[in-house]
N, C-alpha and C. Protein backbone atom coordinates (compact mmCIF):
# COMPACT_ATOMS: atom_id res chain seq x y z
N MET A 1 -12.30 -4.01 -7.21
CA MET A 1 -11.18 -4.89 -7.04
C MET A 1 -11.33 -5.58 -5.78
N ASP A 2 -11.29 -6.95 -5.76
CA ASP A 2 -11.80 -7.69 -4.75
C ASP A 2 -10.35 -8.43 -4.30
N LEU A 3 -9.58 -7.82 -3.52
CA LEU A 3 -8.41 -8.42 -3.04
C LEU A 3 -8.37 -9.06 -1.33
N THR A 4 -7.72 -9.80 -1.11
CA THR A 4 -7.40 -10.19 0.34
C THR A 4 -6.03 -9.41 0.78
N LYS A 5 -6.08 -9.08 1.98
CA LYS A 5 -4.80 -8.43 2.56
C LYS A 5 -3.61 -9.20 1.90
N GLU A 6 -3.71 -10.77 1.80
CA GLU A 6 -2.56 -11.40 1.43
C GLU A 6 -2.36 -11.20 -0.02
N GLY A 7 -3.38 -11.09 -0.82
CA GLY A 7 -3.45 -11.07 -2.15
C GLY A 7 -2.67 -9.60 -2.53
N LEU A 8 -2.88 -8.57 -2.00
CA LEU A 8 -2.49 -7.20 -2.08
C LEU A 8 -1.16 -7.13 -1.55
N ALA A 9 -0.78 -7.66 -0.62
CA ALA A 9 0.65 -7.71 -0.21
C ALA A 9 1.67 -8.44 -1.13
N GLU A 10 0.94 -9.46 -1.81
CA GLU A 10 1.83 -10.29 -2.69
C GLU A 10 1.96 -9.44 -4.17
N ARG A 11 0.85 -9.09 -4.71
CA ARG A 11 0.93 -8.06 -5.87
C ARG A 11 1.66 -6.79 -5.72
N SER A 12 1.75 -6.34 -4.60
CA SER A 12 2.29 -5.06 -4.27
C SER A 12 3.73 -5.28 -3.99
N GLY A 13 4.17 -6.33 -3.58
CA GLY A 13 5.64 -6.46 -3.15
C GLY A 13 5.60 -6.02 -1.62
N VAL A 14 4.76 -5.75 -0.89
CA VAL A 14 4.95 -5.32 0.45
C VAL A 14 4.60 -6.59 1.23
N ALA A 15 5.70 -6.82 2.09
CA ALA A 15 5.48 -8.37 3.09
C ALA A 15 4.37 -8.14 3.75
N LEU A 16 3.79 -9.37 3.81
CA LEU A 16 2.37 -9.50 4.71
C LEU A 16 2.56 -9.03 6.01
N PRO A 17 3.57 -9.11 6.77
CA PRO A 17 3.90 -8.74 8.25
C PRO A 17 3.90 -7.56 8.08
N THR A 18 4.60 -6.74 7.23
CA THR A 18 4.55 -5.14 7.03
C THR A 18 3.03 -4.65 6.86
N PHE A 19 2.27 -5.32 5.85
CA PHE A 19 1.02 -4.93 5.87
C PHE A 19 0.13 -5.06 6.94
N CYS A 20 0.26 -6.17 7.82
CA CYS A 20 -0.40 -6.40 9.02
C CYS A 20 -0.15 -5.24 9.90
N LYS A 21 1.35 -4.98 10.02
CA LYS A 21 1.75 -3.91 11.12
C LYS A 21 0.98 -2.67 10.72
N PHE A 22 1.01 -2.28 9.48
CA PHE A 22 0.49 -0.98 9.00
C PHE A 22 -1.06 -0.99 9.46
N GLU A 23 -1.66 -2.08 9.40
CA GLU A 23 -3.33 -2.11 9.70
C GLU A 23 -3.40 -1.66 11.24
N ARG A 24 -2.45 -2.52 12.13
CA ARG A 24 -2.40 -2.15 13.58
C ARG A 24 -1.87 -0.69 13.98
N THR A 25 -0.86 -0.40 13.35
CA THR A 25 -0.22 0.82 13.89
C THR A 25 -0.40 2.29 13.04
N GLY A 26 -0.78 1.90 11.63
CA GLY A 26 -0.98 3.20 10.93
C GLY A 26 0.44 3.70 10.52
N VAL A 27 1.44 3.11 10.69
CA VAL A 27 2.97 3.29 10.51
C VAL A 27 3.45 2.43 9.07
N LEU A 28 3.79 3.28 8.16
CA LEU A 28 4.21 2.45 6.96
C LEU A 28 5.33 3.27 6.39
N SER A 29 6.12 2.56 5.65
CA SER A 29 7.44 3.48 5.07
C SER A 29 7.06 4.11 3.82
N LEU A 30 7.73 4.95 3.22
CA LEU A 30 7.11 5.61 2.12
C LEU A 30 7.40 4.79 0.91
N GLY A 31 8.16 3.87 1.01
CA GLY A 31 8.32 2.82 -0.05
C GLY A 31 7.11 1.98 -0.01
N SER A 32 6.78 1.35 0.93
CA SER A 32 5.80 0.60 1.03
C SER A 32 4.37 1.34 0.77
N PHE A 33 4.29 2.51 1.07
CA PHE A 33 3.11 3.34 0.63
C PHE A 33 3.01 3.37 -0.71
N LEU A 34 4.13 3.78 -1.46
CA LEU A 34 3.60 4.01 -2.68
C LEU A 34 3.65 2.60 -3.46
N LYS A 35 4.44 1.53 -3.12
CA LYS A 35 3.97 0.36 -3.54
C LYS A 35 2.47 0.03 -3.60
N LEU A 36 1.88 0.19 -2.51
CA LEU A 36 0.33 -0.04 -2.26
C LEU A 36 -0.36 0.76 -3.09
N HIS A 37 -0.02 2.22 -3.11
CA HIS A 37 -0.89 2.86 -4.01
C HIS A 37 -0.80 2.75 -5.63
N ILE A 38 0.56 2.22 -5.76
CA ILE A 38 0.72 1.78 -7.46
C ILE A 38 -0.18 0.66 -7.73
N GLU A 39 -0.36 -0.19 -6.79
CA GLU A 39 -1.02 -1.44 -6.96
C GLU A 39 -2.55 -1.30 -7.11
N LEU A 40 -3.18 -0.05 -6.23
CA LEU A 40 -4.50 0.19 -6.02
C LEU A 40 -4.77 1.38 -6.91
N GLY A 41 -3.93 1.83 -7.72
CA GLY A 41 -4.09 2.75 -8.76
C GLY A 41 -4.50 4.18 -8.05
N GLY A 42 -3.98 4.59 -6.90
CA GLY A 42 -4.20 6.10 -6.35
C GLY A 42 -3.05 6.98 -6.31
N LEU A 43 -2.02 6.41 -6.81
CA LEU A 43 -0.70 7.21 -6.75
C LEU A 43 -0.85 8.41 -7.70
N GLU A 44 -1.87 8.70 -8.62
CA GLU A 44 -1.98 9.83 -9.43
C GLU A 44 -2.81 11.11 -8.39
N ASP A 45 -3.54 10.48 -7.44
CA ASP A 45 -4.34 11.34 -6.69
C ASP A 45 -3.25 11.88 -5.55
N VAL A 46 -2.29 11.07 -5.09
CA VAL A 46 -1.41 11.39 -3.99
C VAL A 46 -0.54 12.44 -4.32
N LEU A 47 -0.16 12.16 -5.88
CA LEU A 47 0.85 13.24 -6.52
C LEU A 47 0.15 14.42 -6.60
N SER A 48 -1.04 14.48 -7.24
CA SER A 48 -1.78 15.60 -7.54
C SER A 48 -2.13 16.53 -6.34
N ASP A 49 -2.38 15.87 -5.17
CA ASP A 49 -2.63 16.48 -3.89
C ASP A 49 -1.39 17.27 -3.47
N ALA A 50 -0.19 16.84 -3.76
CA ALA A 50 1.15 17.15 -3.37
C ALA A 50 1.71 18.32 -4.05
N SER A 51 0.91 18.76 -5.10
CA SER A 51 1.51 20.02 -5.77
C SER A 51 0.59 21.25 -5.74
C-alpha cells in the first residue's frame, strides 16, 4: 500500500492535524487508532493480541 499521510488521513477519516500530532507525540485517541488500523488492515492483529 503506497499512501501519503494525507491520503491515509483522508481514507481513514482521521483529520490530518490529528495524524501529524500523532507522528510528533505518539498520542492518539482510541477512535482514531481504530480508524487507522481498519484502513491499514491491522485491526485483526490488535484484537487477537488483546484476547
